[in-house]
Amino acid sequence: MERKRLTPIEARDQGLDKKTAKKVWTVWFVLCPVLATGYAFCQLYPISLGPASPGLTTLLTVGMLFAVLLFVFGLFSLYMLPGTFIRPGREERQNPMLLRTTAEFAVPFGCLLLAASSVSHLRHKTFAALAERAKPLVRAIEYYERQNGHPPDSLQNLVPDHFPSIPGTGIRAYPDYEYQVFDQDYANARFVWYDLGLRGGEKLQGKKYNAGDLDHAILIFVFKGETVAEVQTDRMPSDPGDFRFDRTAWRMDNISKRLLMLRDLLASTEFVGKTMRTVEGVLGKPDGEFSLPPCPWELRVQCPAGVLNWDLFFYRPGRDYPENAYGGSVTRIGDWAYVHE
């Protein structure tokens, strides 16, 4: 006679014999701490001090996957494990069953919370230490500004008078500082941008703005008052393509062809002097907008904590930071600020 295969719910309801349950318990209580340890290691090793290894950002993503697995196991324990793995017999007492049920639920979530709190605390300490290590670089920029009446155009201007070479952060996964000078003519301008899609795998060069996905090129309309004062592009590939601009395709396509149509769009349409209503009439709703900070320059470190995360650590002269910036909430760490994207 063929044995009936049980569904997961039927198996849960019928319970397991004690011998099998003991094996499952052993696996459960070993696997959850292992995943938590893997999450903590994958999150903390890339932000330790050491030689530059930008590829370690992949390890951060692996750590996030471990955390997701722990969370899923916690939900699994709520749904699949009532009865504590063991088919209750007459001799079973209520209190031990309740204790085991609580443990099954608490282990994955407890491991996750412990690991996450440790990672958060150590990550904060890492960036607090970075803020201290960056003080000589900040002082050099400010000294250059006082001596020359304007900030350096790039960090290379500080070599060799202040440093033998451009200093790094010392963090394995985030080895480089980014430095940007803001044109004060744009202090009160509004920047409206459209996503142009991927750059075709070309290495990022000449980035001016942090708007949107940094792997994508963007089209920017600079508004002064109610009209467009300037049209800019950023993070462009060397050869964007040359397709004929099609208004319907631009609006309806999922940005895959926008970059190809950009050259014809800018050659065939005059936007300077036009209002936002006119721009939207041609291109539809923008993908976002931003304004430049009210300071002459900014020092930044891109510090994503995993996939689809764009955390940022930045310094501004005057150290007057808003509550929100770059699409996330801002936490003050020393003289710097950390953006939780």
C-alpha atoms as a PDB file:
ATOM      1  CA  MET A   1       0.000   0.000   0.000  1.00  0.00           C
ATOM      2  CA  GLU A   2       1.417   3.355  -1.037  1.00  0.00           C
ATOM      3  CA  ARG A   3       2.178   5.639   1.890  1.00  0.00           C
ATOM      4  CA  LYS A   4       0.392   8.971   1.764  1.00  0.00           C
ATOM      5  CA  ARG A   5       2.719  11.967   1.482  1.00  0.00           C
ATOM      6  CA  LEU A   6       1.952  14.637   4.044  1.00  0.00           C
ATOM      7  CA  THR A   7       1.803  18.326   3.328  1.00  0.00           C
ATOM      8  CA  PRO A   8       4.057  20.555   5.484  1.00  0.00           C
ATOM      9  CA  ILE A   9       1.055  21.660   7.540  1.00  0.00           C
ATOM     10  CA  GLU A  10      -0.124  18.069   8.096  1.00  0.00           C
ATOM     11  CA  ALA A  11       3.394  17.084   9.101  1.00  0.00           C
ATOM     12  CA  ARG A  12       3.504  19.973  11.528  1.00  0.00           C
ATOM     13  CA  ASP A  13       0.147  19.069  13.059  1.00  0.00           C
ATOM     14  CA  GLN A  14       1.045  15.386  13.487  1.00  0.00           C
ATOM     15  CA  GLY A  15       4.365  16.290  15.044  1.00  0.00           C
ATOM     16  CA  LEU A  16       7.655  14.388  15.039  1.00  0.00           C
ATOM     17  CA  ASP A  17       8.854  11.561  17.185  1.00  0.00           C
ATOM     18  CA  LYS A  18      11.303  12.585  19.884  1.00  0.00           C
ATOM     19  CA  LYS A  19      14.383  11.109  18.183  1.00  0.00           C
ATOM     20  CA  THR A  20      13.772  12.999  14.930  1.00  0.00           C
ATOM     21  CA  ALA A  21      12.770  16.121  16.812  1.00  0.00           C
ATOM     22  CA  LYS A  22      16.047  16.106  18.731  1.00  0.00           C
ATOM     23  CA  LYS A  23      18.024  16.063  15.471  1.00  0.00           C
ATOM     24  CA  VAL A  24      15.955  18.891  14.037  1.00  0.00           C
ATOM     25  CA  TRP A  25      16.397  20.894  17.229  1.00  0.00           C
ATOM     26  CA  THR A  26      20.174  20.424  17.058  1.00  0.00           C
ATOM     27  CA  VAL A  27      20.280  21.681  13.480  1.00  0.00           C
ATOM     28  CA  TRP A  28      17.987  24.594  14.349  1.00  0.00           C
ATOM     29  CA  PHE A  29      20.021  25.787  17.319  1.00  0.00           C
ATOM     30  CA  VAL A  30      23.327  25.467  15.447  1.00  0.00           C
ATOM     31  CA  LEU A  31      22.238  26.935  12.100  1.00  0.00           C
ATOM     32  CA  CYS A  32      20.774  30.175  13.463  1.00  0.00           C
ATOM     33  CA  PRO A  33      23.927  31.274  15.357  1.00  0.00           C
ATOM     34  CA  VAL A  34      26.051  30.291  12.340  1.00  0.00           C
ATOM     35  CA  LEU A  35      23.958  32.510  10.060  1.00  0.00           C
ATOM     36  CA  ALA A  36      24.128  35.356  12.594  1.00  0.00           C
ATOM     37  CA  THR A  37      27.900  35.005  12.809  1.00  0.00           C
ATOM     38  CA  GLY A  38      28.161  34.972   9.015  1.00  0.00           C
ATOM     39  CA  TYR A  39      26.051  38.121   8.803  1.00  0.00           C
ATOM     40  CA  ALA A  40      28.202  39.934  11.353  1.00  0.00           C
ATOM     41  CA  PHE A  41      31.463  38.864   9.701  1.00  0.00           C
ATOM     42  CA  CYS A  42      30.309  39.844   6.196  1.00  0.00           C
ATOM     43  CA  GLN A  43      29.244  43.252   7.484  1.00  0.00           C
ATOM     44  CA  LEU A  44      32.244  44.002   9.694  1.00  0.00           C
ATOM     45  CA  TYR A  45      35.266  42.662   7.790  1.00  0.00           C
ATOM     46  CA  PRO A  46      34.768  45.006   4.775  1.00  0.00           C
ATOM     47  CA  ILE A  47      34.724  48.055   7.065  1.00  0.00           C
ATOM     48  CA  SER A  48      37.845  47.064   8.983  1.00  0.00           C
ATOM     49  CA  LEU A  49      41.139  48.871   8.469  1.00  0.00           C
ATOM     50  CA  GLY A  50      43.292  47.451   5.715  1.00  0.00           C
ATOM     51  CA  PRO A  51      44.332  47.732   2.073  1.00  0.00           C
ATOM     52  CA  ALA A  52      41.763  48.930  -0.446  1.00  0.00           C
ATOM     53  CA  SER A  53      39.420  46.156  -1.615  1.00  0.00           C
ATOM     54  CA  PRO A  54      36.349  47.782  -3.210  1.00  0.00           C
ATOM     55  CA  GLY A  55      35.145  44.334  -4.309  1.00  0.00           C
ATOM     56  CA  LEU A  56      34.320  43.587  -0.670  1.00  0.00           C
ATOM     57  CA  THR A  57      31.029  45.428  -1.146  1.00  0.00           C
ATOM     58  CA  THR A  58      29.822  42.065  -2.536  1.00  0.00           C
ATOM     59  CA  LEU A  59      30.546  40.527   0.860  1.00  0.00           C
ATOM     60  CA  LEU A  60      28.264  43.136   2.434  1.00  0.00           C
ATOM     61  CA  THR A  61      25.460  41.929   0.174  1.00  0.00           C
ATOM     62  CA  VAL A  62      26.097  38.318   1.226  1.00  0.00           C
ATOM     63  CA  GLY A  63      25.787  39.439   4.840  1.00  0.00           C
ATOM     64  CA  MET A  64      22.412  41.007   4.119  1.00  0.00           C
ATOM     65  CA  LEU A  65      21.267  37.696   2.603  1.00  0.00           C
ATOM     66  CA  PHE A  66      22.233  35.925   5.834  1.00  0.00           C
ATOM     67  CA  ALA A  67      20.123  38.429   7.771  1.00  0.00           C
ATOM     68  CA  VAL A  68      17.154  37.840   5.452  1.00  0.00           C
ATOM     69  CA  LEU A  69      17.483  34.077   5.967  1.00  0.00           C
ATOM     70  CA  LEU A  70      17.436  34.521   9.731  1.00  0.00           C
ATOM     71  CA  PHE A  71      14.302  36.639   9.474  1.00  0.00           C
ATOM     72  CA  VAL A  72      12.638  34.011   7.271  1.00  0.00           C
ATOM     73  CA  PHE A  73      13.570  31.296   9.773  1.00  0.00           C
ATOM     74  CA  GLY A  74      11.933  33.371  12.491  1.00  0.00           C
ATOM     75  CA  LEU A  75       8.700  33.547  10.499  1.00  0.00           C
ATOM     76  CA  PHE A  76       9.024  29.816   9.791  1.00  0.00           C
ATOM     77  CA  SER A  77       9.248  29.089  13.508  1.00  0.00           C
ATOM     78  CA  LEU A  78       6.020  30.996  14.146  1.00  0.00           C
ATOM     79  CA  TYR A  79       4.115  29.088  11.487  1.00  0.00           C
ATOM     80  CA  MET A  80       5.598  25.607  11.323  1.00  0.00           C
ATOM     81  CA  LEU A  81       6.887  24.815  14.802  1.00  0.00           C
ATOM     82  CA  PRO A  82       3.974  25.041  17.259  1.00  0.00           C
ATOM     83  CA  GLY A  83       4.105  21.868  19.330  1.00  0.00           C
ATOM     84  CA  THR A  84       7.853  22.213  19.712  1.00  0.00           C
ATOM     85  CA  PHE A  85       8.667  19.649  16.981  1.00  0.00           C
ATOM     86  CA  ILE A  86       7.544  16.879  19.329  1.00  0.00           C
ATOM     87  CA  ARG A  87       4.204  15.065  19.204  1.00  0.00           C
ATOM     88  CA  PRO A  88       2.867  15.707  22.701  1.00  0.00           C
ATOM     89  CA  GLY A  89       2.159  12.614  24.741  1.00  0.00           C
ATOM     90  CA  ARG A  90       0.223  12.191  27.936  1.00  0.00           C
ATOM     91  CA  GLU A  91       3.374  12.512  29.974  1.00  0.00           C
ATOM     92  CA  GLU A  92       4.284  15.890  28.388  1.00  0.00           C
ATOM     93  CA  ARG A  93       3.844  18.843  30.690  1.00  0.00           C
ATOM     94  CA  GLN A  94       2.628  22.223  29.501  1.00  0.00           C
ATOM     95  CA  ASN A  95       5.529  24.306  30.851  1.00  0.00           C
ATOM     96  CA  PRO A  96       8.348  22.450  29.038  1.00  0.00           C
ATOM     97  CA  MET A  97       6.363  22.633  25.802  1.00  0.00           C
ATOM     98  CA  LEU A  98       5.848  26.357  26.252  1.00  0.00           C
ATOM     99  CA  LEU A  99       9.549  26.815  26.993  1.00  0.00           C
ATOM    100  CA  ARG A 100      10.590  24.937  23.852  1.00  0.00           C
ATOM    101  CA  THR A 101       8.086  26.808  21.701  1.00  0.00           C
ATOM    102  CA  THR A 102       9.412  30.110  23.008  1.00  0.00           C
ATOM    103  CA  ALA A 103      13.000  29.029  22.349  1.00  0.00           C
ATOM    104  CA  GLU A 104      12.190  27.984  18.768  1.00  0.00           C
ATOM    105  CA  PHE A 105      10.779  31.421  18.111  1.00  0.00           C
ATOM    106  CA  ALA A 106      13.417  33.357  20.037  1.00  0.00           C
ATOM    107  CA  VAL A 107      16.558  31.757  18.615  1.00  0.00           C
ATOM    108  CA  PRO A 108      16.450  33.158  15.035  1.00  0.00           C
ATOM    109  CA  PHE A 109      15.121  36.568  16.027  1.00  0.00           C
ATOM    110  CA  GLY A 110      17.405  36.754  19.042  1.00  0.00           C
ATOM    111  CA  CYS A 111      20.448  35.899  16.943  1.00  0.00           C
ATOM    112  CA  LEU A 112      19.424  38.454  14.323  1.00  0.00           C
ATOM    113  CA  LEU A 113      18.842  41.254  16.846  1.00  0.00           C
ATOM    114  CA  LEU A 114      22.119  40.539  18.659  1.00  0.00           C
ATOM    115  CA  ALA A 115      24.116  40.482  15.421  1.00  0.00           C
ATOM    116  CA  ALA A 116      22.376  43.572  14.004  1.00  0.00           C
ATOM    117  CA  SER A 117      22.916  45.609  17.169  1.00  0.00           C
ATOM    118  CA  SER A 118      26.587  44.606  17.271  1.00  0.00           C
ATOM    119  CA  VAL A 119      27.058  45.517  13.608  1.00  0.00           C
ATOM    120  CA  SER A 120      25.306  48.854  14.078  1.00  0.00           C
ATOM    121  CA  HIS A 121      27.436  49.722  17.127  1.00  0.00           C
ATOM    122  CA  LEU A 122      30.733  48.749  15.492  1.00  0.00           C
ATOM    123  CA  ARG A 123      29.821  50.456  12.214  1.00  0.00           C
ATOM    124  CA  HIS A 124      29.149  53.672  14.165  1.00  0.00           C
ATOM    125  CA  LYS A 125      32.537  53.358  15.881  1.00  0.00           C
ATOM    126  CA  THR A 126      34.228  52.762  12.516  1.00  0.00           C
ATOM    127  CA  PHE A 127      32.879  55.992  11.047  1.00  0.00           C
ATOM    128  CA  ALA A 128      33.533  57.948  14.232  1.00  0.00           C
ATOM    129  CA  ALA A 129      37.179  56.880  13.913  1.00  0.00           C
ATOM    130  CA  LEU A 130      37.142  57.840  10.227  1.00  0.00           C
ATOM    131  CA  ALA A 131      35.910  61.326  11.131  1.00  0.00           C
ATOM    132  CA  GLU A 132      38.969  61.678  13.376  1.00  0.00           C
ATOM    133  CA  ARG A 133      41.385  60.347  10.744  1.00  0.00           C
ATOM    134  CA  ALA A 134      39.962  62.773   8.171  1.00  0.00           C
ATOM    135  CA  LYS A 135      40.737  65.879  10.252  1.00  0.00           C
ATOM    136  CA  PRO A 136      44.159  66.533   8.626  1.00  0.00           C
ATOM    137  CA  LEU A 137      42.520  66.379   5.189  1.00  0.00           C
ATOM    138  CA  VAL A 138      39.753  68.762   6.245  1.00  0.00           C
ATOM    139  CA  ARG A 139      42.292  71.180   7.747  1.00  0.00           C
ATOM    140  CA  ALA A 140      44.349  71.074   4.543  1.00  0.00           C
ATOM    141  CA  ILE A 141      41.300  71.957   2.416  1.00  0.00           C
ATOM    142  CA  GLU A 142      40.362  74.807   4.750  1.00  0.00           C
ATOM    143  CA  TYR A 143      43.959  76.114   4.816  1.00  0.00           C
ATOM    144  CA  TYR A 144      44.107  76.049   0.998  1.00  0.00           C
ATOM    145  CA  GLU A 145      40.816  77.958   0.894  1.00  0.00           C
ATOM    146  CA  ARG A 146      42.125  80.655   3.249  1.00  0.00           C
ATOM    147  CA  GLN A 147      45.405  81.011   1.349  1.00  0.00           C
ATOM    148  CA  ASN A 148      43.899  81.138  -2.135  1.00  0.00           C
ATOM    149  CA  GLY A 149      40.483  82.650  -1.568  1.00  0.00           C
ATOM    150  CA  HIS A 150      38.701  79.569  -2.923  1.00  0.00           C
ATOM    151  CA  PRO A 151      38.663  75.824  -2.176  1.00  0.00           C
ATOM    152  CA  PRO A 152      40.877  73.489  -4.218  1.00  0.00           C
ATOM    153  CA  ASP A 153      39.373  72.293  -7.485  1.00  0.00           C
ATOM    154  CA  SER A 154      40.264  68.720  -6.543  1.00  0.00           C
ATOM    155  CA  LEU A 155      42.147  66.871  -3.826  1.00  0.00           C
ATOM    156  CA  GLN A 156      45.071  66.625  -6.221  1.00  0.00           C
ATOM    157  CA  ASN A 157      45.688  70.333  -5.568  1.00  0.00           C
ATOM    158  CA  LEU A 158      46.797  69.386  -2.044  1.00  0.00           C
ATOM    159  CA  VAL A 159      49.678  67.257  -3.412  1.00  0.00           C
ATOM    160  CA  PRO A 160      52.572  67.625  -2.672  1.00  0.00           C
ATOM    161  CA  ASP A 161      52.312  70.722  -0.437  1.00  0.00           C
ATOM    162  CA  HIS A 162      50.093  69.029   2.140  1.00  0.00           C
ATOM    163  CA  PHE A 163      50.284  65.297   1.354  1.00  0.00           C
ATOM    164  CA  PRO A 164      52.695  63.156  -0.683  1.00  0.00           C
ATOM    165  CA  SER A 165      49.625  61.571  -2.317  1.00  0.00           C
ATOM    166  CA  ILE A 166      45.859  61.836  -1.996  1.00  0.00           C
ATOM    167  CA  PRO A 167      44.982  60.244   1.360  1.00  0.00           C
ATOM    168  CA  GLY A 168      42.588  57.333   1.578  1.00  0.00           C
ATOM    169  CA  THR A 169      40.037  56.430   4.230  1.00  0.00           C
ATOM    170  CA  GLY A 170      41.847  53.291   5.382  1.00  0.00           C
ATOM    171  CA  ILE A 171      38.616  51.257   5.171  1.00  0.00           C
ATOM    172  CA  ARG A 172      38.868  48.167   2.974  1.00  0.00           C
ATOM    173  CA  ALA A 173      35.520  48.420   1.166  1.00  0.00           C
ATOM    174  CA  TYR A 174      35.366  52.233   1.032  1.00  0.00           C
ATOM    175  CA  PRO A 175      38.960  53.310   0.370  1.00  0.00           C
ATOM    176  CA  ASP A 176      38.418  56.656  -1.376  1.00  0.00           C
ATOM    177  CA  TYR A 177      37.181  60.113  -0.496  1.00  0.00           C
ATOM    178  CA  GLU A 178      34.990  61.996  -2.932  1.00  0.00           C
ATOM    179  CA  TYR A 179      35.363  65.766  -3.059  1.00  0.00           C
ATOM    180  CA  GLN A 180      33.043  68.232  -4.750  1.00  0.00           C
ATOM    181  CA  VAL A 181      33.143  72.009  -5.106  1.00  0.00           C
ATOM    182  CA  PHE A 182      29.738  73.698  -5.425  1.00  0.00           C
ATOM    183  CA  ASP A 183      29.232  76.639  -7.724  1.00  0.00           C
ATOM    184  CA  GLN A 184      27.631  79.272  -5.526  1.00  0.00           C
ATOM    185  CA  ASP A 185      25.855  80.657  -8.584  1.00  0.00           C
ATOM    186  CA  TYR A 186      23.587  77.621  -8.200  1.00  0.00           C
ATOM    187  CA  ALA A 187      23.009  78.045  -4.460  1.00  0.00           C
ATOM    188  CA  ASN A 188      19.313  78.861  -4.933  1.00  0.00           C
ATOM    189  CA  ALA A 189      18.745  76.781  -8.050  1.00  0.00           C
ATOM    190  CA  ARG A 190      16.472  73.754  -8.325  1.00  0.00           C
ATOM    191  CA  PHE A 191      17.802  70.673 -10.148  1.00  0.00           C
ATOM    192  CA  VAL A 192      15.215  68.442 -11.833  1.00  0.00           C
ATOM    193  CA  TRP A 193      16.509  65.163 -13.265  1.00  0.00           C
ATOM    194  CA  TYR A 194      15.481  62.287 -15.512  1.00  0.00           C
ATOM    195  CA  ASP A 195      17.006  58.804 -15.363  1.00  0.00           C
ATOM    196  CA  LEU A 196      18.659  57.848 -18.677  1.00  0.00           C
ATOM    197  CA  GLY A 197      19.434  54.243 -17.787  1.00  0.00           C
ATOM    198  CA  LEU A 198      22.653  52.237 -17.531  1.00  0.00           C
ATOM    199  CA  ARG A 199      25.895  53.577 -18.983  1.00  0.00           C
ATOM    200  CA  GLY A 200      26.602  50.288 -20.753  1.00  0.00           C
ATOM    201  CA  GLY A 201      29.100  49.049 -18.196  1.00  0.00           C
ATOM    202  CA  GLU A 202      31.549  51.932 -18.628  1.00  0.00           C
ATOM    203  CA  LYS A 203      33.559  52.985 -15.585  1.00  0.00           C
ATOM    204  CA  LEU A 204      32.124  55.991 -13.764  1.00  0.00           C
ATOM    205  CA  GLN A 205      34.092  59.157 -14.501  1.00  0.00           C
ATOM    206  CA  GLY A 206      33.451  62.841 -13.882  1.00  0.00           C
ATOM    207  CA  LYS A 207      30.474  62.376 -11.546  1.00  0.00           C
ATOM    208  CA  LYS A 208      29.017  65.708 -10.398  1.00  0.00           C
ATOM    209  CA  TYR A 209      25.833  64.716  -8.574  1.00  0.00           C
ATOM    210  CA  ASN A 210      24.588  61.872  -6.372  1.00  0.00           C
ATOM    211  CA  ALA A 211      21.016  61.836  -7.681  1.00  0.00           C
ATOM    212  CA  GLY A 212      19.515  58.449  -8.531  1.00  0.00           C
ATOM    213  CA  ASP A 213      21.302  55.186  -9.210  1.00  0.00           C
ATOM    214  CA  LEU A 214      25.012  55.958  -9.634  1.00  0.00           C
ATOM    215  CA  ASP A 215      25.256  53.293 -12.346  1.00  0.00           C
ATOM    216  CA  HIS A 216      22.829  55.316 -14.475  1.00  0.00           C
ATOM    217  CA  ALA A 217      23.352  58.460 -16.536  1.00  0.00           C
ATOM    218  CA  ILE A 218      20.998  61.385 -15.821  1.00  0.00           C
ATOM    219  CA  LEU A 219      19.623  64.440 -17.635  1.00  0.00           C
ATOM    220  CA  ILE A 220      19.372  67.566 -15.445  1.00  0.00           C
ATOM    221  CA  PHE A 221      17.379  70.767 -15.857  1.00  0.00           C
ATOM    222  CA  VAL A 222      18.663  73.652 -13.714  1.00  0.00           C
ATOM    223  CA  PHE A 223      15.819  75.982 -12.759  1.00  0.00           C
ATOM    224  CA  LYS A 224      16.479  79.513 -11.556  1.00  0.00           C
ATOM    225  CA  GLY A 225      13.149  80.908 -10.627  1.00  0.00           C
ATOM    226  CA  GLU A 226      10.394  79.472 -12.799  1.00  0.00           C
ATOM    227  CA  THR A 227      12.369  78.756 -15.958  1.00  0.00           C
ATOM    228  CA  VAL A 228      15.201  76.500 -17.118  1.00  0.00           C
ATOM    229  CA  ALA A 229      18.551  78.282 -16.934  1.00  0.00           C
ATOM    230  CA  GLU A 230      20.749  75.379 -18.045  1.00  0.00           C
ATOM    231  CA  VAL A 231      20.552  71.776 -19.249  1.00  0.00           C
ATOM    232  CA  GLN A 232      23.208  69.339 -18.002  1.00  0.00           C
ATOM    233  CA  THR A 233      24.052  65.652 -18.215  1.00  0.00           C
ATOM    234  CA  ASP A 234      25.997  63.592 -15.713  1.00  0.00           C
ATOM    235  CA  ARG A 235      27.646  60.155 -15.572  1.00  0.00           C
ATOM    236  CA  MET A 236      27.419  59.819 -19.354  1.00  0.00           C
ATOM    237  CA  PRO A 237      29.079  57.036 -21.413  1.00  0.00           C
ATOM    238  CA  SER A 238      31.512  57.973 -24.151  1.00  0.00           C
ATOM    239  CA  ASP A 239      29.022  57.073 -26.906  1.00  0.00           C
ATOM    240  CA  PRO A 240      25.373  57.279 -25.783  1.00  0.00           C
ATOM    241  CA  GLY A 241      23.977  56.342 -29.200  1.00  0.00           C
ATOM    242  CA  ASP A 242      21.967  58.210 -31.797  1.00  0.00           C
ATOM    243  CA  PHE A 243      18.302  57.192 -31.984  1.00  0.00           C
ATOM    244  CA  ARG A 244      15.558  59.520 -33.112  1.00  0.00           C
ATOM    245  CA  PHE A 245      13.701  61.056 -30.178  1.00  0.00           C
ATOM    246  CA  ASP A 246      10.215  59.663 -29.711  1.00  0.00           C
ATOM    247  CA  ARG A 247       8.052  61.321 -27.070  1.00  0.00           C
ATOM    248  CA  THR A 248       5.829  58.282 -26.544  1.00  0.00           C
ATOM    249  CA  ALA A 249       8.771  55.889 -26.217  1.00  0.00           C
ATOM    250  CA  TRP A 250      10.492  58.221 -23.714  1.00  0.00           C
ATOM    251  CA  ARG A 251       7.409  58.350 -21.509  1.00  0.00           C
ATOM    252  CA  MET A 252       6.370  54.702 -21.735  1.00  0.00           C
ATOM    253  CA  ASP A 253       9.649  52.837 -22.060  1.00  0.00           C
ATOM    254  CA  ASN A 254      11.337  51.695 -18.835  1.00  0.00           C
ATOM    255  CA  ILE A 255      14.327  54.039 -19.450  1.00  0.00           C
ATOM    256  CA  SER A 256      16.125  51.429 -21.580  1.00  0.00           C
ATOM    257  CA  LYS A 257      16.090  53.662 -24.699  1.00  0.00           C
ATOM    258  CA  ARG A 258      16.275  57.134 -23.167  1.00  0.00           C
ATOM    259  CA  LEU A 259      20.058  57.340 -23.345  1.00  0.00           C
ATOM    260  CA  LEU A 260      19.970  56.407 -27.028  1.00  0.00           C
ATOM    261  CA  MET A 261      17.472  59.211 -27.773  1.00  0.00           C
ATOM    262  CA  LEU A 262      19.211  61.915 -25.718  1.00  0.00           C
ATOM    263  CA  ARG A 263      21.429  63.354 -28.466  1.00  0.00           C
ATOM    264  CA  ASP A 264      18.496  63.892 -30.839  1.00  0.00           C
ATOM    265  CA  LEU A 265      16.325  65.277 -28.017  1.00  0.00           C
ATOM    266  CA  LEU A 266      18.820  68.003 -27.090  1.00  0.00           C
ATOM    267  CA  ALA A 267      19.495  68.850 -30.752  1.00  0.00           C
ATOM    268  CA  SER A 268      15.821  69.143 -31.677  1.00  0.00           C
ATOM    269  CA  THR A 269      14.320  70.767 -28.568  1.00  0.00           C
ATOM    270  CA  GLU A 270      15.221  74.074 -26.889  1.00  0.00           C
ATOM    271  CA  PHE A 271      14.584  73.916 -23.140  1.00  0.00           C
ATOM    272  CA  VAL A 272      16.402  77.009 -21.830  1.00  0.00           C
ATOM    273  CA  GLY A 273      13.882  79.653 -20.829  1.00  0.00           C
ATOM    274  CA  LYS A 274      11.016  77.129 -20.672  1.00  0.00           C
ATOM    275  CA  THR A 275       8.879  76.395 -17.624  1.00  0.00           C
ATOM    276  CA  MET A 276       8.517  73.104 -15.748  1.00  0.00           C
ATOM    277  CA  ARG A 277       5.141  72.628 -17.409  1.00  0.00           C
ATOM    278  CA  THR A 278       6.768  72.732 -20.849  1.00  0.00           C
ATOM    279  CA  VAL A 279       9.491  70.262 -19.834  1.00  0.00           C
ATOM    280  CA  GLU A 280       6.896  67.836 -18.456  1.00  0.00           C
ATOM    281  CA  GLY A 281       4.855  68.272 -21.612  1.00  0.00           C
ATOM    282  CA  VAL A 282       7.775  66.840 -23.589  1.00  0.00           C
ATOM    283  CA  LEU A 283       9.325  64.339 -21.154  1.00  0.00           C
ATOM    284  CA  GLY A 284       6.648  63.606 -18.583  1.00  0.00           C
ATOM    285  CA  LYS A 285       7.146  63.636 -14.829  1.00  0.00           C
ATOM    286  CA  PRO A 286      10.808  63.824 -13.701  1.00  0.00           C
ATOM    287  CA  ASP A 287      12.423  61.051 -11.682  1.00  0.00           C
ATOM    288  CA  GLY A 288      13.469  63.440  -8.927  1.00  0.00           C
ATOM    289  CA  GLU A 289      14.847  66.809  -7.947  1.00  0.00           C
ATOM    290  CA  PHE A 290      17.435  68.219  -5.569  1.00  0.00           C
ATOM    291  CA  SER A 291      19.209  71.417  -4.595  1.00  0.00           C
ATOM    292  CA  LEU A 292      22.855  72.021  -3.820  1.00  0.00           C
ATOM    293  CA  PRO A 293      23.908  72.455  -0.192  1.00  0.00           C
ATOM    294  CA  PRO A 294      24.585  76.016   0.989  1.00  0.00           C
ATOM    295  CA  CYS A 295      28.334  75.464   1.328  1.00  0.00           C
ATOM    296  CA  PRO A 296      31.331  75.868  -0.993  1.00  0.00           C
ATOM    297  CA  TRP A 297      32.499  72.239  -0.914  1.00  0.00           C
ATOM    298  CA  GLU A 298      31.801  68.785   0.465  1.00  0.00           C
ATOM    299  CA  LEU A 299      33.881  65.723   1.337  1.00  0.00           C
ATOM    300  CA  ARG A 300      32.155  62.336   0.992  1.00  0.00           C
ATOM    301  CA  VAL A 301      32.622  58.597   1.382  1.00  0.00           C
ATOM    302  CA  GLN A 302      30.213  56.270  -0.417  1.00  0.00           C
ATOM    303  CA  CYS A 303      29.478  53.478   2.080  1.00  0.00           C
ATOM    304  CA  PRO A 304      26.683  51.141   0.921  1.00  0.00           C
ATOM    305  CA  ALA A 305      25.800  48.468   3.463  1.00  0.00           C
ATOM    306  CA  GLY A 306      24.596  45.974   0.853  1.00  0.00           C
ATOM    307  CA  VAL A 307      22.535  45.570  -2.281  1.00  0.00           C
ATOM    308  CA  LEU A 308      20.130  48.410  -3.104  1.00  0.00           C
ATOM    309  CA  ASN A 309      21.656  50.565  -0.399  1.00  0.00           C
ATOM    310  CA  TRP A 310      23.420  53.892  -0.927  1.00  0.00           C
ATOM    311  CA  ASP A 311      24.481  55.046   2.538  1.00  0.00           C
ATOM    312  CA  LEU A 312      26.754  58.080   2.552  1.00  0.00           C
ATOM    313  CA  PHE A 313      29.189  59.674   5.018  1.00  0.00           C
ATOM    314  CA  PHE A 314      29.905  63.346   4.368  1.00  0.00           C
ATOM    315  CA  TYR A 315      31.471  66.514   5.751  1.00  0.00           C
ATOM    316  CA  ARG A 316      30.485  70.114   5.078  1.00  0.00           C
ATOM    317  CA  PRO A 317      32.323  73.222   6.288  1.00  0.00           C
ATOM    318  CA  GLY A 318      30.254  74.858   8.994  1.00  0.00           C
ATOM    319  CA  ARG A 319      28.999  71.406  10.062  1.00  0.00           C
ATOM    320  CA  ASP A 320      25.370  72.503   9.761  1.00  0.00           C
ATOM    321  CA  TYR A 321      23.563  69.360   8.623  1.00  0.00           C
ATOM    322  CA  PRO A 322      19.890  68.956   7.719  1.00  0.00           C
ATOM    323  CA  GLU A 323      17.669  66.234   9.157  1.00  0.00           C
ATOM    324  CA  ASN A 324      17.399  64.639   5.706  1.00  0.00           C
ATOM    325  CA  ALA A 325      19.806  64.653   2.773  1.00  0.00           C
ATOM    326  CA  TYR A 326      20.496  62.558  -0.340  1.00  0.00           C
ATOM    327  CA  GLY A 327      17.214  60.697   0.064  1.00  0.00           C
ATOM    328  CA  GLY A 328      17.763  59.494   3.636  1.00  0.00           C
ATOM    329  CA  SER A 329      17.793  60.481   7.293  1.00  0.00           C
ATOM    330  CA  VAL A 330      20.942  62.087   8.684  1.00  0.00           C
ATOM    331  CA  THR A 331      22.782  61.082  11.866  1.00  0.00           C
ATOM    332  CA  ARG A 332      25.578  63.253  13.215  1.00  0.00           C
ATOM    333  CA  ILE A 333      28.851  61.375  13.879  1.00  0.00           C
ATOM    334  CA  GLY A 334      31.527  63.708  15.207  1.00  0.00           C
ATOM    335  CA  ASP A 335      31.980  66.583  12.768  1.00  0.00           C
ATOM    336  CA  TRP A 336      30.554  64.468   9.960  1.00  0.00           C
ATOM    337  CA  ALA A 337      27.087  63.211   9.058  1.00  0.00           C
ATOM    338  CA  TYR A 338      25.885  59.745   8.069  1.00  0.00           C
ATOM    339  CA  VAL A 339      22.990  59.290   5.640  1.00  0.00           C
ATOM    340  CA  HIS A 340      20.853  56.182   6.245  1.00  0.00           C
ATOM    341  CA  GLU A 341      19.458  55.592   2.784  1.00  0.00           C
END
